[in-house]
Amino acid sequence: MTTVALSPPREHAVRLGLWVLGAAWLAIAALQILDPAAFVDVVGPYGAVNEHYVRDLASWYAAGGILLVLAASRPAWRVPVLLFTLIQGVLHLVNHVFDIGDADPGWMGPLNAVLLAATLGVTAWLLSAAQSGARR
């Protein structure tokens, strides 16, 4: 597979999108590592805090965030990294839909699902744009 350059505006958008998505994943990981209880209270209020499991989850977010940031300057990495990110996001959203009524406060369940769906939309667009730069 050879990489074909994207148009300058699209290349800029893909790079920026990868940086923003990667930074968001790294910010989530940082909060999970530094204050697991705050993460559960503010972002994921779905039950009791288990600091070990929250930090385990942080390792996935940190690794994904690093890959997203690295893919910003490595066009050959973009499609596989974004495909992984999209698959993870779909599975994450499905989990949230199943538990949508379990958040406390209750409005957080639907809000989290909507935010995850919006992030999936951005990720899908980035993947589509990255694929348009790859030719057989």
N, C-alpha and C. Protein backbone atom coordinates (compact mmCIF):
# COMPACT_ATOMS: atom_id res chain seq x y z
N MET A 1 0.84 -1.16 0.00
CA MET A 1 0.00 0.00 0.00
C MET A 1 0.89 1.24 0.00
N THR A 2 0.65 2.13 -0.91
CA THR A 2 1.39 3.38 -0.93
C THR A 2 0.50 4.48 -0.38
N THR A 3 1.13 5.47 0.19
CA THR A 3 0.38 6.57 0.76
C THR A 3 0.35 7.72 -0.22
N VAL A 4 -0.85 8.21 -0.47
CA VAL A 4 -1.05 9.35 -1.35
C VAL A 4 -1.34 10.54 -0.46
N ALA A 5 -0.71 11.65 -0.75
CA ALA A 5 -0.89 12.82 0.10
C ALA A 5 -2.33 13.31 0.05
N LEU A 6 -2.85 13.69 1.19
CA LEU A 6 -4.17 14.31 1.26
C LEU A 6 -4.04 15.77 0.85
N SER A 7 -5.15 16.37 0.48
CA SER A 7 -5.13 17.80 0.19
C SER A 7 -4.69 18.53 1.46
N PRO A 8 -4.03 19.68 1.33
CA PRO A 8 -3.54 20.38 2.54
C PRO A 8 -4.62 20.63 3.59
N PRO A 9 -5.83 21.08 3.23
CA PRO A 9 -6.83 21.28 4.30
C PRO A 9 -7.23 19.98 4.98
N ARG A 10 -7.39 18.91 4.19
CA ARG A 10 -7.78 17.62 4.78
C ARG A 10 -6.64 17.06 5.63
N GLU A 11 -5.40 17.16 5.15
CA GLU A 11 -4.24 16.71 5.93
C GLU A 11 -4.18 17.44 7.26
N HIS A 12 -4.39 18.74 7.22
CA HIS A 12 -4.38 19.53 8.46
C HIS A 12 -5.49 19.05 9.40
N ALA A 13 -6.69 18.82 8.85
CA ALA A 13 -7.81 18.38 9.68
C ALA A 13 -7.55 17.01 10.30
N VAL A 14 -6.98 16.10 9.52
CA VAL A 14 -6.69 14.76 10.05
C VAL A 14 -5.62 14.84 11.13
N ARG A 15 -4.56 15.58 10.87
CA ARG A 15 -3.50 15.72 11.89
C ARG A 15 -4.06 16.33 13.18
N LEU A 16 -4.82 17.41 13.02
CA LEU A 16 -5.40 18.08 14.19
C LEU A 16 -6.36 17.14 14.92
N GLY A 17 -7.18 16.42 14.16
CA GLY A 17 -8.12 15.49 14.78
C GLY A 17 -7.41 14.40 15.57
N LEU A 18 -6.34 13.87 15.00
CA LEU A 18 -5.57 12.84 15.71
C LEU A 18 -4.95 13.41 16.98
N TRP A 19 -4.41 14.62 16.91
CA TRP A 19 -3.84 15.26 18.09
C TRP A 19 -4.90 15.49 19.17
N VAL A 20 -6.06 16.01 18.77
CA VAL A 20 -7.12 16.30 19.74
C VAL A 20 -7.65 15.01 20.37
N LEU A 21 -7.92 14.01 19.54
CA LEU A 21 -8.40 12.73 20.05
C LEU A 21 -7.35 12.09 20.96
N GLY A 22 -6.10 12.12 20.53
CA GLY A 22 -5.02 11.57 21.36
C GLY A 22 -4.87 12.31 22.68
N ALA A 23 -4.94 13.63 22.62
CA ALA A 23 -4.84 14.43 23.86
C ALA A 23 -6.00 14.13 24.79
N ALA A 24 -7.20 13.94 24.24
CA ALA A 24 -8.36 13.61 25.07
C ALA A 24 -8.15 12.26 25.76
N TRP A 25 -7.67 11.27 25.00
CA TRP A 25 -7.41 9.96 25.60
C TRP A 25 -6.35 10.07 26.69
N LEU A 26 -5.32 10.86 26.45
CA LEU A 26 -4.26 11.02 27.46
C LEU A 26 -4.77 11.77 28.68
N ALA A 27 -5.66 12.73 28.49
CA ALA A 27 -6.25 13.44 29.63
C ALA A 27 -7.11 12.51 30.46
N ILE A 28 -7.88 11.67 29.80
CA ILE A 28 -8.69 10.67 30.53
C ILE A 28 -7.77 9.75 31.33
N ALA A 29 -6.70 9.27 30.69
CA ALA A 29 -5.75 8.39 31.38
C ALA A 29 -5.13 9.10 32.58
N ALA A 30 -4.76 10.36 32.40
CA ALA A 30 -4.13 11.09 33.51
C ALA A 30 -5.08 11.20 34.70
N LEU A 31 -6.34 11.53 34.44
CA LEU A 31 -7.31 11.61 35.54
C LEU A 31 -7.50 10.24 36.19
N GLN A 32 -7.58 9.21 35.38
CA GLN A 32 -7.75 7.86 35.94
C GLN A 32 -6.57 7.45 36.80
N ILE A 33 -5.37 7.82 36.40
CA ILE A 33 -4.16 7.47 37.15
C ILE A 33 -4.03 8.31 38.41
N LEU A 34 -4.21 9.62 38.26
CA LEU A 34 -3.96 10.53 39.37
C LEU A 34 -5.06 10.53 40.42
N ASP A 35 -6.30 10.36 39.99
CA ASP A 35 -7.41 10.40 40.95
C ASP A 35 -8.56 9.52 40.46
N PRO A 36 -8.42 8.21 40.63
CA PRO A 36 -9.46 7.30 40.15
C PRO A 36 -10.85 7.62 40.72
N ALA A 37 -10.90 8.04 41.97
CA ALA A 37 -12.20 8.34 42.58
C ALA A 37 -12.85 9.54 41.89
N ALA A 38 -12.06 10.55 41.56
CA ALA A 38 -12.61 11.71 40.85
C ALA A 38 -13.10 11.31 39.47
N PHE A 39 -12.38 10.43 38.79
CA PHE A 39 -12.83 9.95 37.49
C PHE A 39 -14.20 9.30 37.61
N VAL A 40 -14.35 8.41 38.59
CA VAL A 40 -15.62 7.73 38.77
C VAL A 40 -16.72 8.72 39.15
N ASP A 41 -16.42 9.67 40.02
CA ASP A 41 -17.43 10.65 40.45
C ASP A 41 -17.86 11.58 39.32
N VAL A 42 -16.88 12.05 38.54
CA VAL A 42 -17.16 13.10 37.55
C VAL A 42 -17.49 12.54 36.17
N VAL A 43 -16.80 11.51 35.73
CA VAL A 43 -16.93 11.02 34.36
C VAL A 43 -17.71 9.72 34.28
N GLY A 44 -17.43 8.79 35.16
CA GLY A 44 -18.03 7.46 35.07
C GLY A 44 -18.71 7.04 36.34
N PRO A 45 -19.80 7.70 36.72
CA PRO A 45 -20.44 7.37 38.01
C PRO A 45 -21.34 6.14 37.92
N TYR A 46 -20.72 4.98 37.80
CA TYR A 46 -21.47 3.73 37.62
C TYR A 46 -21.21 2.74 38.75
N GLY A 47 -21.05 3.23 39.94
CA GLY A 47 -20.87 2.32 41.07
C GLY A 47 -19.64 2.65 41.88
N ALA A 48 -19.28 1.71 42.73
CA ALA A 48 -18.17 1.90 43.65
C ALA A 48 -16.84 2.01 42.90
N VAL A 49 -15.93 2.74 43.49
CA VAL A 49 -14.60 2.94 42.91
C VAL A 49 -13.73 1.73 43.20
N ASN A 50 -13.10 1.21 42.16
CA ASN A 50 -12.07 0.21 42.32
C ASN A 50 -10.83 0.81 41.66
N GLU A 51 -9.96 1.39 42.48
CA GLU A 51 -8.82 2.13 41.95
C GLU A 51 -7.94 1.29 41.05
N HIS A 52 -7.76 0.04 41.37
CA HIS A 52 -6.93 -0.82 40.54
C HIS A 52 -7.51 -0.94 39.13
N TYR A 53 -8.80 -1.21 39.03
CA TYR A 53 -9.41 -1.39 37.71
C TYR A 53 -9.46 -0.07 36.93
N VAL A 54 -9.67 1.02 37.61
CA VAL A 54 -9.66 2.31 36.92
C VAL A 54 -8.27 2.59 36.36
N ARG A 55 -7.23 2.28 37.13
CA ARG A 55 -5.86 2.47 36.64
C ARG A 55 -5.52 1.47 35.53
N ASP A 56 -6.06 0.26 35.60
CA ASP A 56 -5.90 -0.68 34.48
C ASP A 56 -6.48 -0.08 33.21
N LEU A 57 -7.67 0.48 33.31
CA LEU A 57 -8.30 1.12 32.16
C LEU A 57 -7.44 2.29 31.66
N ALA A 58 -6.81 3.00 32.58
CA ALA A 58 -5.94 4.12 32.20
C ALA A 58 -4.79 3.66 31.32
N SER A 59 -4.29 2.45 31.55
CA SER A 59 -3.18 1.97 30.72
C SER A 59 -3.62 1.84 29.26
N TRP A 60 -4.86 1.42 29.02
CA TRP A 60 -5.39 1.32 27.65
C TRP A 60 -5.56 2.72 27.05
N TYR A 61 -6.12 3.64 27.83
CA TYR A 61 -6.29 5.00 27.32
C TYR A 61 -4.95 5.68 27.05
N ALA A 62 -3.98 5.46 27.90
CA ALA A 62 -2.66 6.05 27.67
C ALA A 62 -2.02 5.49 26.41
N ALA A 63 -2.07 4.17 26.25
CA ALA A 63 -1.49 3.55 25.05
C ALA A 63 -2.20 4.04 23.79
N GLY A 64 -3.52 4.07 23.82
CA GLY A 64 -4.28 4.56 22.67
C GLY A 64 -3.99 6.02 22.37
N GLY A 65 -3.92 6.83 23.41
CA GLY A 65 -3.61 8.25 23.22
C GLY A 65 -2.24 8.46 22.60
N ILE A 66 -1.26 7.71 23.05
CA ILE A 66 0.09 7.80 22.48
C ILE A 66 0.06 7.41 21.01
N LEU A 67 -0.62 6.31 20.68
CA LEU A 67 -0.70 5.88 19.28
C LEU A 67 -1.41 6.92 18.41
N LEU A 68 -2.48 7.51 18.91
CA LEU A 68 -3.18 8.54 18.14
C LEU A 68 -2.28 9.74 17.87
N VAL A 69 -1.55 10.18 18.88
CA VAL A 69 -0.64 11.32 18.70
C VAL A 69 0.47 10.96 17.71
N LEU A 70 1.05 9.77 17.85
CA LEU A 70 2.10 9.34 16.92
C LEU A 70 1.59 9.23 15.49
N ALA A 71 0.35 8.76 15.33
CA ALA A 71 -0.22 8.60 13.98
C ALA A 71 -0.43 9.95 13.29
N ALA A 72 -0.49 11.02 14.03
CA ALA A 72 -0.66 12.34 13.41
C ALA A 72 0.47 12.65 12.44
N SER A 73 1.67 12.20 12.75
CA SER A 73 2.80 12.47 11.86
C SER A 73 3.28 11.23 11.10
N ARG A 74 2.52 10.16 11.19
CA ARG A 74 2.88 8.91 10.48
C ARG A 74 1.67 8.43 9.68
N PRO A 75 1.51 8.91 8.45
CA PRO A 75 0.32 8.56 7.66
C PRO A 75 0.07 7.05 7.55
N ALA A 76 1.09 6.23 7.50
CA ALA A 76 0.89 4.79 7.36
C ALA A 76 0.24 4.18 8.61
N TRP A 77 0.34 4.83 9.74
CA TRP A 77 -0.24 4.33 10.99
C TRP A 77 -1.71 4.72 11.13
N ARG A 78 -2.15 5.72 10.40
CA ARG A 78 -3.46 6.32 10.67
C ARG A 78 -4.62 5.35 10.56
N VAL A 79 -4.71 4.63 9.46
CA VAL A 79 -5.87 3.74 9.27
C VAL A 79 -5.92 2.67 10.35
N PRO A 80 -4.84 1.92 10.62
CA PRO A 80 -4.96 0.90 11.67
C PRO A 80 -5.24 1.47 13.06
N VAL A 81 -4.62 2.60 13.39
CA VAL A 81 -4.84 3.19 14.72
C VAL A 81 -6.27 3.69 14.83
N LEU A 82 -6.77 4.34 13.79
CA LEU A 82 -8.14 4.84 13.83
C LEU A 82 -9.16 3.71 13.79
N LEU A 83 -8.86 2.63 13.08
CA LEU A 83 -9.76 1.48 13.06
C LEU A 83 -9.85 0.87 14.46
N PHE A 84 -8.72 0.70 15.12
CA PHE A 84 -8.72 0.22 16.51
C PHE A 84 -9.55 1.16 17.39
N THR A 85 -9.33 2.46 17.25
CA THR A 85 -10.03 3.45 18.07
C THR A 85 -11.53 3.38 17.83
N LEU A 86 -11.92 3.20 16.57
CA LEU A 86 -13.34 3.11 16.24
C LEU A 86 -13.96 1.84 16.84
N ILE A 87 -13.28 0.71 16.72
CA ILE A 87 -13.79 -0.54 17.29
C ILE A 87 -13.92 -0.42 18.81
N GLN A 88 -12.90 0.11 19.45
CA GLN A 88 -12.95 0.30 20.90
C GLN A 88 -14.11 1.21 21.27
N GLY A 89 -14.30 2.27 20.50
CA GLY A 89 -15.38 3.22 20.78
C GLY A 89 -16.76 2.60 20.63
N VAL A 90 -16.95 1.77 19.62
CA VAL A 90 -18.24 1.09 19.44
C VAL A 90 -18.50 0.16 20.62
N LEU A 91 -17.51 -0.63 21.00
CA LEU A 91 -17.69 -1.53 22.14
C LEU A 91 -17.96 -0.75 23.43
N HIS A 92 -17.27 0.36 23.60
CA HIS A 92 -17.46 1.22 24.77
C HIS A 92 -18.88 1.78 24.78
N LEU A 93 -19.35 2.24 23.63
CA LEU A 93 -20.71 2.79 23.54
C LEU A 93 -21.76 1.71 23.84
N VAL A 94 -21.57 0.51 23.31
CA VAL A 94 -22.51 -0.58 23.58
C VAL A 94 -22.60 -0.83 25.08
N ASN A 95 -21.46 -0.85 25.76
CA ASN A 95 -21.45 -1.04 27.21
C ASN A 95 -22.24 0.07 27.91
N HIS A 96 -22.05 1.31 27.44
CA HIS A 96 -22.77 2.43 28.06
C HIS A 96 -24.27 2.36 27.79
N VAL A 97 -24.66 1.90 26.61
CA VAL A 97 -26.09 1.77 26.31
C VAL A 97 -26.72 0.73 27.24
N PHE A 98 -26.03 -0.38 27.46
CA PHE A 98 -26.56 -1.40 28.38
C PHE A 98 -26.71 -0.85 29.80
N ASP A 99 -25.80 0.03 30.21
CA ASP A 99 -25.81 0.56 31.58
C ASP A 99 -26.34 1.98 31.67
N ILE A 100 -27.07 2.43 30.66
CA ILE A 100 -27.47 3.84 30.57
C ILE A 100 -28.26 4.31 31.79
N GLY A 101 -29.02 3.43 32.40
CA GLY A 101 -29.82 3.82 33.56
C GLY A 101 -29.12 3.64 34.89
N ASP A 102 -27.87 3.19 34.87
CA ASP A 102 -27.16 2.89 36.12
C ASP A 102 -26.32 4.04 36.65
N ALA A 103 -26.21 5.12 35.91
CA ALA A 103 -25.37 6.24 36.36
C ALA A 103 -26.06 6.98 37.50
N ASP A 104 -25.26 7.59 38.35
CA ASP A 104 -25.78 8.40 39.44
C ASP A 104 -24.99 9.69 39.51
N PRO A 105 -25.55 10.81 39.06
CA PRO A 105 -26.95 11.06 38.76
C PRO A 105 -27.39 10.45 37.43
N GLY A 106 -28.68 10.22 37.30
CA GLY A 106 -29.25 9.51 36.17
C GLY A 106 -29.00 10.16 34.81
N TRP A 107 -28.89 11.48 34.76
CA TRP A 107 -28.69 12.16 33.48
C TRP A 107 -27.31 11.89 32.89
N MET A 108 -26.39 11.41 33.71
CA MET A 108 -25.04 11.14 33.21
C MET A 108 -25.00 9.96 32.24
N GLY A 109 -25.87 8.99 32.41
CA GLY A 109 -25.89 7.84 31.50
C GLY A 109 -26.17 8.26 30.07
N PRO A 110 -27.29 8.96 29.81
CA PRO A 110 -27.55 9.42 28.45
C PRO A 110 -26.50 10.41 27.93
N LEU A 111 -26.02 11.29 28.80
CA LEU A 111 -25.00 12.25 28.37
C LEU A 111 -23.73 11.52 27.94
N ASN A 112 -23.28 10.55 28.71
CA ASN A 112 -22.09 9.80 28.34
C ASN A 112 -22.29 9.08 27.00
N ALA A 113 -23.47 8.50 26.80
CA ALA A 113 -23.75 7.80 25.54
C ALA A 113 -23.71 8.77 24.36
N VAL A 114 -24.29 9.94 24.51
CA VAL A 114 -24.29 10.93 23.43
C VAL A 114 -22.87 11.40 23.14
N LEU A 115 -22.09 11.66 24.17
CA LEU A 115 -20.71 12.11 23.97
C LEU A 115 -19.86 11.03 23.30
N LEU A 116 -20.06 9.79 23.71
CA LEU A 116 -19.34 8.69 23.06
C LEU A 116 -19.76 8.55 21.60
N ALA A 117 -21.04 8.68 21.31
CA ALA A 117 -21.51 8.60 19.93
C ALA A 117 -20.93 9.74 19.09
N ALA A 118 -20.86 10.93 19.64
CA ALA A 118 -20.28 12.06 18.91
C ALA A 118 -18.79 11.82 18.64
N THR A 119 -18.10 11.28 19.63
CA THR A 119 -16.68 10.96 19.44
C THR A 119 -16.52 9.90 18.37
N LEU A 120 -17.43 8.94 18.32
CA LEU A 120 -17.39 7.93 17.27
C LEU A 120 -17.59 8.56 15.89
N GLY A 121 -18.45 9.55 15.81
CA GLY A 121 -18.65 10.24 14.54
C GLY A 121 -17.37 10.91 14.06
N VAL A 122 -16.69 11.58 14.97
CA VAL A 122 -15.42 12.23 14.62
C VAL A 122 -14.39 11.18 14.22
N THR A 123 -14.32 10.10 14.99
CA THR A 123 -13.36 9.04 14.69
C THR A 123 -13.64 8.41 13.33
N ALA A 124 -14.91 8.17 13.02
CA ALA A 124 -15.28 7.60 11.72
C ALA A 124 -14.89 8.55 10.58
N TRP A 125 -15.11 9.85 10.77
CA TRP A 125 -14.71 10.81 9.73
C TRP A 125 -13.19 10.80 9.55
N LEU A 126 -12.45 10.79 10.65
CA LEU A 126 -10.99 10.75 10.55
C LEU A 126 -10.53 9.49 9.84
N LEU A 127 -11.15 8.36 10.15
CA LEU A 127 -10.79 7.11 9.49
C LEU A 127 -11.09 7.20 7.99
N SER A 128 -12.24 7.72 7.63
CA SER A 128 -12.59 7.86 6.22
C SER A 128 -11.61 8.77 5.49
N ALA A 129 -11.26 9.87 6.11
CA ALA A 129 -10.31 10.81 5.52
C ALA A 129 -8.93 10.15 5.38
N ALA A 130 -8.51 9.41 6.40
CA ALA A 130 -7.21 8.73 6.33
C ALA A 130 -7.20 7.67 5.24
N GLN A 131 -8.33 6.97 5.10
CA GLN A 131 -8.42 5.93 4.06
C GLN A 131 -8.36 6.55 2.66
N SER A 132 -8.88 7.76 2.52
CA SER A 132 -8.86 8.40 1.21
C SER A 132 -7.43 8.76 0.79
N GLY A 133 -6.52 8.78 1.76
CA GLY A 133 -5.11 9.06 1.46
C GLY A 133 -4.31 7.80 1.19
N ALA A 134 -4.95 6.65 1.34
CA ALA A 134 -4.24 5.37 1.11
C ALA A 134 -4.76 4.74 -0.17
N ARG A 135 -3.87 4.33 -1.03
CA ARG A 135 -4.23 3.68 -2.29
C ARG A 135 -3.45 2.37 -2.40
N ARG A 136 -4.05 1.39 -3.06
CA ARG A 136 -3.36 0.12 -3.28
C ARG A 136 -2.29 0.26 -4.32
